[in-house]
Protein backbone atom coordinates (compact mmCIF):
# COMPACT_ATOMS: atom_id res chain seq x y z
CA UNK A 1 129.73 0.91 108.82
CA UNK A 2 128.40 -2.02 110.80
CA UNK A 3 130.79 -4.57 109.35
CA UNK A 4 134.48 -4.71 108.55
CA UNK A 5 135.97 -4.90 105.06
CA UNK A 6 139.07 -6.73 103.89
CA UNK A 7 141.75 -5.21 101.69
CA UNK A 8 145.04 -6.60 100.39
CA UNK A 9 147.79 -4.20 99.33
CA UNK A 10 150.80 -4.99 97.14
CA UNK A 11 153.90 -2.79 97.38
CA UNK A 12 156.55 -3.77 94.81
CA UNK A 13 159.77 -2.12 95.94
CA UNK A 14 163.36 -2.31 94.74
CA UNK A 15 164.62 -3.98 97.93
CA UNK A 16 161.51 -5.79 99.17
CA UNK A 17 157.99 -6.75 98.13
CA UNK A 18 155.29 -6.39 100.76
CA UNK A 19 151.77 -7.78 100.91
CA UNK A 20 149.45 -6.67 103.71
CA UNK A 21 146.02 -8.06 104.50
CA UNK A 22 144.03 -5.46 106.42
CA UNK A 23 140.63 -5.55 108.04
CA UNK A 24 139.11 -2.05 108.08
CA UNK A 25 136.33 -1.29 110.53
CA UNK A 26 135.08 2.31 110.73
CA UNK A 27 138.42 3.67 109.40
CA UNK A 28 140.44 1.58 111.88
CA UNK A 29 142.90 -0.76 110.20
CA UNK A 30 143.73 -4.13 111.74
CA UNK A 31 146.63 -5.78 109.90
CA UNK A 32 145.97 -9.52 110.02
CA UNK A 33 148.46 -10.77 107.42
CA UNK A 34 151.96 -9.63 106.45
CA UNK A 35 154.24 -10.84 103.68
CA UNK A 36 157.68 -9.26 103.27
CA UNK A 37 160.33 -10.84 101.05
CA UNK A 38 163.54 -9.66 99.43
CA UNK A 39 162.78 -8.25 96.01
CA UNK A 40 164.23 -9.81 92.88
CA UNK A 41 163.83 -8.40 89.39
CA UNK A 42 163.19 -4.79 90.42
CA UNK A 43 165.75 -2.02 90.07
CA UNK A 44 165.24 1.67 90.88
CA UNK A 45 161.48 1.27 90.90
CA UNK A 46 161.26 -0.51 87.53
CA UNK A 47 160.75 -4.16 86.62
CA UNK A 48 163.89 -5.55 84.98
CA UNK A 49 163.10 -9.29 85.28
CA UNK A 50 159.44 -10.35 85.03
CA UNK A 51 159.89 -13.97 86.15
CA UNK A 52 162.04 -13.07 89.17
CA UNK A 53 159.54 -10.40 90.23
CA UNK A 54 156.62 -12.82 89.86
CA UNK A 55 158.35 -15.33 92.15
CA UNK A 56 158.98 -12.62 94.75
CA UNK A 57 155.32 -11.54 94.62
CA UNK A 58 154.18 -15.14 95.05
CA UNK A 59 156.44 -15.63 98.09
CA UNK A 60 155.16 -12.44 99.73
CA UNK A 61 151.54 -13.45 99.06
CA UNK A 62 152.14 -16.94 100.49
CA UNK A 63 153.61 -15.46 103.68
CA UNK A 64 150.55 -13.27 104.19
CA UNK A 65 148.17 -16.12 103.31
CA UNK A 66 149.71 -18.41 105.93
CA UNK A 67 148.94 -15.87 108.66
CA UNK A 68 145.20 -15.83 107.90
CA UNK A 69 144.67 -19.29 106.41
CA UNK A 70 143.01 -17.82 103.30
CA UNK A 71 144.08 -17.37 99.70
CA UNK A 72 144.51 -13.91 98.19
CA UNK A 73 142.54 -13.27 94.98
CA UNK A 74 142.72 -9.50 94.48
CA UNK A 75 145.12 -6.75 95.48
CA UNK A 76 145.27 -2.98 95.79
CA UNK A 77 148.31 -2.22 93.65
CA UNK A 78 150.68 0.66 94.27
CA UNK A 79 152.45 2.25 91.29
CA UNK A 80 155.79 4.01 91.92
CA UNK A 81 156.48 7.60 90.87
CA UNK A 82 158.96 6.43 88.24
CA UNK A 83 158.20 8.36 84.99
CA UNK A 84 154.92 9.69 86.42
CA UNK A 85 153.51 12.98 85.15
CA UNK A 86 150.75 15.15 86.64
CA UNK A 87 148.37 17.08 84.36
CA UNK A 88 145.74 19.66 85.34
CA UNK A 89 142.37 18.63 83.86
CA UNK A 90 138.82 19.97 83.88
CA UNK A 91 135.52 18.23 83.35
CA UNK A 92 132.21 19.94 82.56
CA UNK A 93 128.74 18.36 82.20
CA UNK A 94 125.09 19.35 82.42
CA UNK A 95 123.20 17.77 85.32
CA UNK A 96 120.97 15.07 83.85
CA UNK A 97 118.20 14.38 86.36
CA UNK A 98 114.79 16.02 85.97
CA UNK A 99 114.90 17.57 89.44
CA UNK A 100 118.48 18.79 88.81
CA UNK A 101 119.85 16.87 91.82
CA UNK A 102 123.49 15.82 91.38
CA UNK A 103 124.00 12.05 91.70
CA UNK A 104 126.74 9.42 91.42
CA UNK A 105 126.05 9.24 87.70
CA UNK A 106 126.87 12.93 87.29
CA UNK A 107 130.15 12.47 89.18
CA UNK A 108 131.09 9.59 86.87
CA UNK A 109 130.21 11.68 83.82
CA UNK A 110 132.22 14.73 84.89
CA UNK A 111 135.28 12.56 85.58
CA UNK A 112 134.84 10.87 82.20
CA UNK A 113 134.70 14.28 80.51
CA UNK A 114 138.02 15.21 82.16
CA UNK A 115 139.61 12.16 80.49
CA UNK A 116 139.01 13.61 77.02
CA UNK A 117 142.43 15.26 77.26
CA UNK A 118 144.75 13.78 74.64
CA UNK A 119 147.31 11.38 76.16
CA UNK A 120 150.49 10.53 74.19
CA UNK A 121 150.53 6.94 72.88
CA UNK A 122 153.45 5.98 75.12
CA UNK A 123 151.57 6.94 78.30
CA UNK A 124 148.61 5.54 80.22
CA UNK A 125 146.16 6.92 82.76
CA UNK A 126 146.62 5.82 86.37
CA UNK A 127 144.14 8.01 88.29
CA UNK A 128 142.21 11.24 88.11
CA UNK A 129 142.22 12.96 91.50
CA UNK A 130 139.48 15.60 91.96
CA UNK A 131 140.68 18.87 93.49
CA UNK A 132 137.29 20.57 93.67
CA UNK A 133 133.81 20.46 92.21
CA UNK A 134 132.00 23.56 90.95
CA UNK A 135 128.21 23.78 90.80
CA UNK A 136 126.82 26.69 88.77
CA UNK A 137 129.90 28.78 89.50
CA UNK A 138 130.08 27.91 93.24
CA UNK A 139 133.54 26.42 93.78
CA UNK A 140 135.40 24.72 96.63
CA UNK A 141 132.94 21.81 96.86
CA UNK A 142 134.32 18.42 97.97
CA UNK A 143 131.18 16.35 97.34
CA UNK A 144 128.36 17.86 95.24
CA UNK A 145 126.00 14.89 95.47
CA UNK A 146 122.58 15.89 96.71
CA UNK A 147 123.05 19.52 95.64
CA UNK A 148 120.77 21.12 93.05
CA UNK A 149 122.36 22.60 89.95
CA UNK A 150 122.43 22.86 86.19
CA UNK A 151 126.16 22.80 85.40
CA UNK A 152 128.71 20.57 87.17
CA UNK A 153 132.46 21.13 86.78
CA UNK A 154 135.47 19.36 88.24
CA UNK A 155 139.04 20.60 88.53
CA UNK A 156 141.42 17.70 88.99
CA UNK A 157 144.84 16.18 88.51
CA UNK A 158 145.36 13.46 85.92
CA UNK A 159 148.15 11.05 86.78
CA UNK A 160 149.80 9.26 83.87
CA UNK A 161 152.78 6.94 83.70
CA UNK A 162 154.89 5.21 81.09
CA UNK A 163 152.91 2.54 79.27
CA UNK A 164 155.95 0.23 79.40
CA UNK A 165 156.42 0.67 83.17
CA UNK A 166 152.72 0.07 83.85
CA UNK A 167 152.50 -2.87 81.43
CA UNK A 168 155.41 -4.66 83.12
CA UNK A 169 153.95 -4.22 86.61
CA UNK A 170 150.51 -5.42 85.50
CA UNK A 171 152.05 -8.38 83.71
CA UNK A 172 153.85 -9.43 86.92
CA UNK A 173 150.67 -9.22 88.96
CA UNK A 174 148.75 -11.21 86.35
CA UNK A 175 151.43 -13.94 86.14
CA UNK A 176 151.42 -14.18 89.95
CA UNK A 177 147.77 -15.24 89.67
CA UNK A 178 146.27 -12.07 91.12
CA UNK A 179 143.57 -9.66 89.99
CA UNK A 180 143.79 -5.92 90.50
CA UNK A 181 141.00 -4.59 92.67
CA UNK A 182 142.23 -0.99 92.33
CA UNK A 183 145.43 0.84 91.44
CA UNK A 184 146.87 4.01 92.97
CA UNK A 185 150.02 6.09 92.81
CA UNK A 186 152.04 5.16 95.90
CA UNK A 187 153.28 8.63 96.99
CA UNK A 188 149.74 10.01 96.67
CA UNK A 189 148.17 7.26 98.78
CA UNK A 190 151.00 7.19 101.33
CA UNK A 191 151.30 10.96 101.71
CA UNK A 192 147.56 11.44 102.09
CA UNK A 193 147.71 9.69 105.47
CA UNK A 194 151.34 10.13 106.53
CA UNK A 195 150.81 13.91 106.55
CA UNK A 196 148.40 15.74 108.80
CA UNK A 197 145.78 18.04 107.33
CA UNK A 198 147.91 20.98 108.49
CA UNK A 199 150.98 19.50 106.74
CA UNK A 200 149.07 19.12 103.46
CA UNK A 201 147.72 22.66 103.67
CA UNK A 202 150.92 24.48 104.62
CA UNK A 203 153.19 22.95 102.00
CA UNK A 204 155.17 19.82 102.92
CA UNK A 205 157.52 17.44 101.14
CA UNK A 206 156.83 13.77 101.86
CA UNK A 207 160.00 11.81 101.12
CA UNK A 208 160.13 8.01 100.99
CA UNK A 209 163.72 6.72 101.06
CA UNK A 210 163.59 3.14 99.86
CA UNK A 211 166.21 0.58 98.93
CA UNK A 212 166.86 1.49 95.31
CA UNK A 213 165.25 4.91 94.98
CA UNK A 214 163.82 7.90 96.81
CA UNK A 215 160.38 9.34 96.07
CA UNK A 216 159.41 12.96 96.66
CA UNK A 217 155.77 14.02 96.92
CA UNK A 218 154.79 17.63 97.58
CA UNK A 219 151.44 18.63 99.07
CA UNK A 220 150.17 22.20 99.29
CA UNK A 221 146.77 23.80 99.94
CA UNK A 222 145.51 20.33 100.81
CA UNK A 223 146.41 18.85 97.41
CA UNK A 224 149.06 16.63 95.83
CA UNK A 225 150.93 18.94 93.44
CA UNK A 226 154.30 17.40 92.49
CA UNK A 227 156.15 14.10 92.55
CA UNK A 228 159.52 12.80 91.40
CA UNK A 229 161.84 9.85 91.89
CA UNK A 230 165.61 9.96 92.51
CA UNK A 231 167.54 6.74 91.75
CA UNK A 232 169.44 6.73 95.07
CA UNK A 233 168.46 4.77 98.17
CA UNK A 234 169.56 2.56 101.02
CA UNK A 235 171.23 0.01 98.76
CA UNK A 236 173.77 2.67 97.75
CA UNK A 237 174.71 3.16 101.41
CA UNK A 238 175.19 -0.60 101.78
CA UNK A 239 177.38 -0.69 98.68
CA UNK A 240 179.52 2.20 99.99
CA UNK A 241 180.05 0.38 103.29
CA UNK A 242 180.91 -2.84 101.48
CA UNK A 243 183.57 -1.10 99.36
CA UNK A 244 185.17 0.99 102.10
CA UNK A 245 185.12 -1.73 104.77
CA UNK A 246 186.13 -4.41 102.22
CA UNK A 247 183.38 -6.69 103.45
CA UNK A 248 180.60 -8.69 101.68
CA UNK A 249 177.41 -6.83 100.81
CA UNK A 250 175.32 -9.00 103.13
CA UNK A 251 177.64 -8.16 106.03
CA UNK A 252 177.59 -4.46 105.11
CA UNK A 253 173.78 -4.48 105.27
CA UNK A 254 173.88 -6.01 108.76
CA UNK A 255 176.40 -3.41 109.91
CA UNK A 256 174.23 -0.60 108.54
CA UNK A 257 171.14 -1.86 110.35
CA UNK A 258 172.85 -2.69 113.64
CA UNK A 259 175.49 0.04 114.01
CA UNK A 260 174.61 2.61 111.36
CA UNK A 261 174.32 6.29 112.26
CA UNK A 262 173.67 9.13 109.83
CA UNK A 263 174.94 12.11 111.82
CA UNK A 264 178.71 12.17 112.47
CA UNK A 265 178.57 14.61 115.40
CA UNK A 266 176.25 12.34 117.41
CA UNK A 267 177.80 8.99 116.49
CA UNK A 268 179.70 7.06 119.15
CA UNK A 269 183.47 6.83 118.99
CA UNK A 270 183.53 4.20 121.73
CA UNK A 271 181.05 1.75 120.14
CA UNK A 272 183.30 -0.68 118.29
CA UNK A 273 182.48 -3.72 116.17
CA UNK A 274 184.40 -6.27 114.12
CA UNK A 275 184.05 -6.65 110.36
CA UNK A 276 185.09 -9.72 108.32
CA UNK A 277 187.33 -8.72 105.41
CA UNK A 278 186.95 -10.25 101.93
CA UNK A 279 189.90 -12.53 101.08
CA UNK A 280 191.30 -12.55 104.62
CA UNK A 281 190.85 -14.70 107.70
CA UNK A 282 191.17 -11.72 110.01
CA UNK A 283 188.60 -9.16 111.10
CA UNK A 284 189.05 -5.43 111.35
CA UNK A 285 187.61 -3.19 114.03
CA UNK A 286 185.70 0.02 113.35
CA UNK A 287 183.74 2.56 115.36
CA UNK A 288 180.21 3.79 114.78
CA UNK A 289 181.60 7.26 114.12
CA UNK A 290 183.85 5.92 111.36
CA UNK A 291 180.98 4.35 109.41
CA UNK A 292 178.73 7.35 110.12
CA UNK A 293 181.03 9.41 107.93
CA UNK A 294 180.57 6.94 105.06
CA UNK A 295 176.79 6.89 105.54
CA UNK A 296 176.58 10.64 105.99
CA UNK A 297 178.39 11.45 102.75
CA UNK A 298 175.95 9.38 100.71
CA UNK A 299 172.92 10.81 102.48
CA UNK A 300 174.17 14.39 102.09
CA UNK A 301 174.44 13.71 98.36
CA UNK A 302 170.86 12.41 98.39
CA UNK A 303 169.54 15.47 100.24
CA UNK A 304 171.38 17.75 97.80
CA UNK A 305 169.65 15.92 94.94
CA UNK A 306 166.33 16.39 96.73
CA UNK A 307 166.97 20.14 97.00
CA UNK A 308 167.81 20.27 93.28
CA UNK A 309 164.61 18.37 92.45
CA UNK A 310 162.48 20.68 94.59
CA UNK A 311 163.95 23.72 92.83
CA UNK A 312 163.25 22.06 89.48
CA UNK A 313 159.63 21.62 90.56
CA UNK A 314 159.50 25.32 91.40
CA UNK A 315 159.22 24.71 95.15
CA UNK A 316 160.99 27.62 96.85
CA UNK A 317 159.61 27.23 100.36
CA UNK A 318 158.22 24.42 102.51
CA UNK A 319 156.45 25.92 105.54
CA UNK A 320 155.41 22.43 106.61
CA UNK A 321 158.95 21.10 106.37
CA UNK A 322 159.80 17.54 105.42
CA UNK A 323 158.36 14.20 106.51
CA UNK A 324 160.65 11.19 105.97
CA UNK A 325 159.60 7.57 105.69
CA UNK A 326 160.76 4.34 104.00
CA UNK A 327 163.22 1.68 105.12
CA UNK A 328 166.14 4.10 105.51
CA UNK A 329 164.08 6.40 107.76
CA UNK A 330 164.72 4.20 110.80
CA UNK A 331 168.47 4.91 110.53
CA UNK A 332 169.66 6.60 113.70
CA UNK A 333 170.67 10.24 113.26
CA UNK A 334 168.77 10.71 109.98
CA UNK A 335 166.51 13.54 111.21
CA UNK A 336 169.50 15.52 112.51
CA UNK A 337 171.38 15.21 109.23
CA UNK A 338 168.27 16.06 107.20
CA UNK A 339 167.67 19.21 109.28
CA UNK A 340 171.30 20.23 108.85
CA UNK A 341 171.30 19.85 105.04
CA UNK A 342 167.71 20.82 104.18
CA UNK A 343 167.51 23.63 106.71
CA UNK A 344 163.89 22.94 107.59
CA UNK A 345 161.84 21.00 110.12
CA UNK A 346 162.03 17.21 109.74
CA UNK A 347 159.76 14.45 111.08
CA UNK A 348 159.85 10.68 110.72
CA UNK A 349 156.61 8.86 109.90
CA UNK A 350 155.89 5.23 110.80
CA UNK A 351 152.50 3.48 110.65
CA UNK A 352 151.04 2.94 114.12
CA UNK A 353 149.59 -0.53 113.65
CA UNK A 354 150.57 -3.74 115.42
CA UNK A 355 152.96 -5.80 113.31
CA UNK A 356 153.86 -3.02 110.88
CA UNK A 357 155.25 -0.25 113.09
CA UNK A 358 158.17 0.36 110.76
CA UNK A 359 158.55 3.16 108.18
CA UNK A 360 159.15 0.58 105.44
CA UNK A 361 155.45 -0.40 105.66
CA UNK A 362 154.14 3.14 105.07
CA UNK A 363 153.10 2.62 101.44
CA UNK A 364 151.55 -0.81 101.97
CA UNK A 365 149.45 0.30 104.97
CA UNK A 366 148.34 3.58 103.46
CA UNK A 367 147.33 1.94 100.18
CA UNK A 368 144.72 0.08 102.23
CA UNK A 369 143.61 3.26 103.99
CA UNK A 370 143.38 5.16 100.70
CA UNK A 371 141.39 2.36 99.03
CA UNK A 372 138.95 2.32 101.96
CA UNK A 373 138.54 6.10 101.82
CA UNK A 374 137.88 5.97 98.07
CA UNK A 375 135.35 3.15 98.45
CA UNK A 376 133.51 5.15 101.11
CA UNK A 377 133.37 8.25 98.92
CA UNK A 378 132.22 6.26 95.91
CA UNK A 379 129.82 4.22 98.06
CA UNK A 380 131.21 1.08 96.51
CA UNK A 381 129.28 -1.70 98.23
CA UNK A 382 130.01 -4.50 95.75
CA UNK A 383 131.20 -7.80 97.23
CA UNK A 384 134.57 -7.41 95.57
CA UNK A 385 136.17 -9.68 98.16
CA UNK A 386 139.99 -9.84 97.98
CA UNK A 387 140.29 -13.15 99.84
CA UNK A 388 139.31 -16.59 98.70
CA UNK A 389 138.57 -19.78 100.63
CA UNK A 390 140.97 -21.59 102.94
CA UNK A 391 143.59 -23.89 101.48
CA UNK A 392 141.45 -26.98 102.23
CA UNK A 393 138.35 -25.38 100.72
CA UNK A 394 140.35 -24.47 97.60
CA UNK A 395 141.34 -28.10 97.12
CA UNK A 396 137.71 -29.23 97.55
CA UNK A 397 136.49 -26.62 95.04
CA UNK A 398 139.07 -27.75 92.49
CA UNK A 399 137.89 -31.35 92.86
CA UNK A 400 134.23 -30.33 92.46
CA UNK A 401 135.10 -27.91 89.63
CA UNK A 402 132.64 -25.45 91.11
CA UNK A 403 133.07 -21.68 91.27
CA UNK A 404 134.03 -20.04 94.56
CA UNK A 405 131.52 -17.56 95.94
CA UNK A 406 134.44 -15.20 96.28
CA UNK A 407 134.93 -15.24 92.52
CA UNK A 408 131.35 -14.30 91.54
CA UNK A 409 130.58 -10.61 91.98
CA UNK A 410 129.02 -7.65 90.24
CA UNK A 411 130.96 -4.43 89.75
CA UNK A 412 129.57 -0.99 90.46
CA UNK A 413 128.68 0.81 87.23
CA UNK A 414 130.55 4.00 86.40
CA UNK A 415 133.99 5.33 85.70
CA UNK A 416 135.75 3.24 88.36
CA UNK A 417 134.52 0.04 86.76
CA UNK A 418 135.67 1.29 83.37
CA UNK A 419 139.12 2.03 84.76
CA UNK A 420 139.31 -1.48 86.20
CA UNK A 421 138.17 -2.87 82.88
CA UNK A 422 141.00 -1.04 81.16
CA UNK A 423 143.58 -3.05 83.07
CA UNK A 424 142.00 -6.31 81.98
CA UNK A 425 141.93 -5.21 78.33
CA UNK A 426 145.48 -3.93 78.59
CA UNK A 427 146.72 -7.38 79.55
CA UNK A 428 144.93 -9.21 76.76
């Protein structure tokens, strides 16, 4: 492409809400705006307080806006794996054109035909992810456009989630004054880029350890095949430290970040620090090794739960090992402990972009990368601009009561537009 495109991602987590403004130029992401605020109203990946969540989203958006001097209109929204289900689907259509050349219209039609599968009334469609296209019996095709054929098939994965969970997230975004440009499942978007092609082919578990929950995504033969969420995360470690050390939660969080170590054998016995005790004027002294035992016990429990979940999914072997990310992934000693418990190779993934080189930004960054990749595949060239005018221009527009050029656009016809339209109808 000869010009860059702007994307804004929204990652609503249990411990923090992140908004990233990214400029993508020929698949290179330049993060130009970052908003990261403590999350309120979200617990274990689910919205429990709409108004509190809306305020947190607004604060994160305002932080990012201040960095670029523009207002955010639209966001790429990430949906957590909470209550998500994957369904194998198949679409079949006859090629319509007179010359039998497969076009964008045929791709839209075959995806639409895959949606004919009956969905329970308490569930809603999030995405359909194509696995392969088949043209007149020839399979293994990634992009059939331009090929000649009579019959077009698609094997794919339908992602559905709880209608209640989705409704609450969409309601928060709407009340925060934002439109949804596109919506994706977070572990799918994040894992697609956090894992190498070899990782995705061999069979690898991508594990995001967040504040209130841990998400598992399994990729094999190049495809996303399983996902699950475990309601244990970094906040549980903080709570354990607070209870055992008899110190306030805020202090326990600081201790975890500054002195925390996950692997007892490698923790320092000589590194000492003082901890204020609740209800006392004195401070007690502890070593890094002492708190590593507290941290390690909780993380061992988490890894045991991950093993149980993998067995439940039917995953007996992971030749590609495990890739860890999320806020807890920067904890010293985590890879060693994970290798010890999981008995497989372990890597830590962090985005390699200026300003967001922390594992906690993995989902937010890769939502932008995934949205760009999808727009390139779908050749979506609509001026669906996510940013509005500057603050001063906004005030002038309000006074003139004229529409912003950023708010007038035409959508690309096809299934993607229909999916976007669904979200608007759902909120009515």
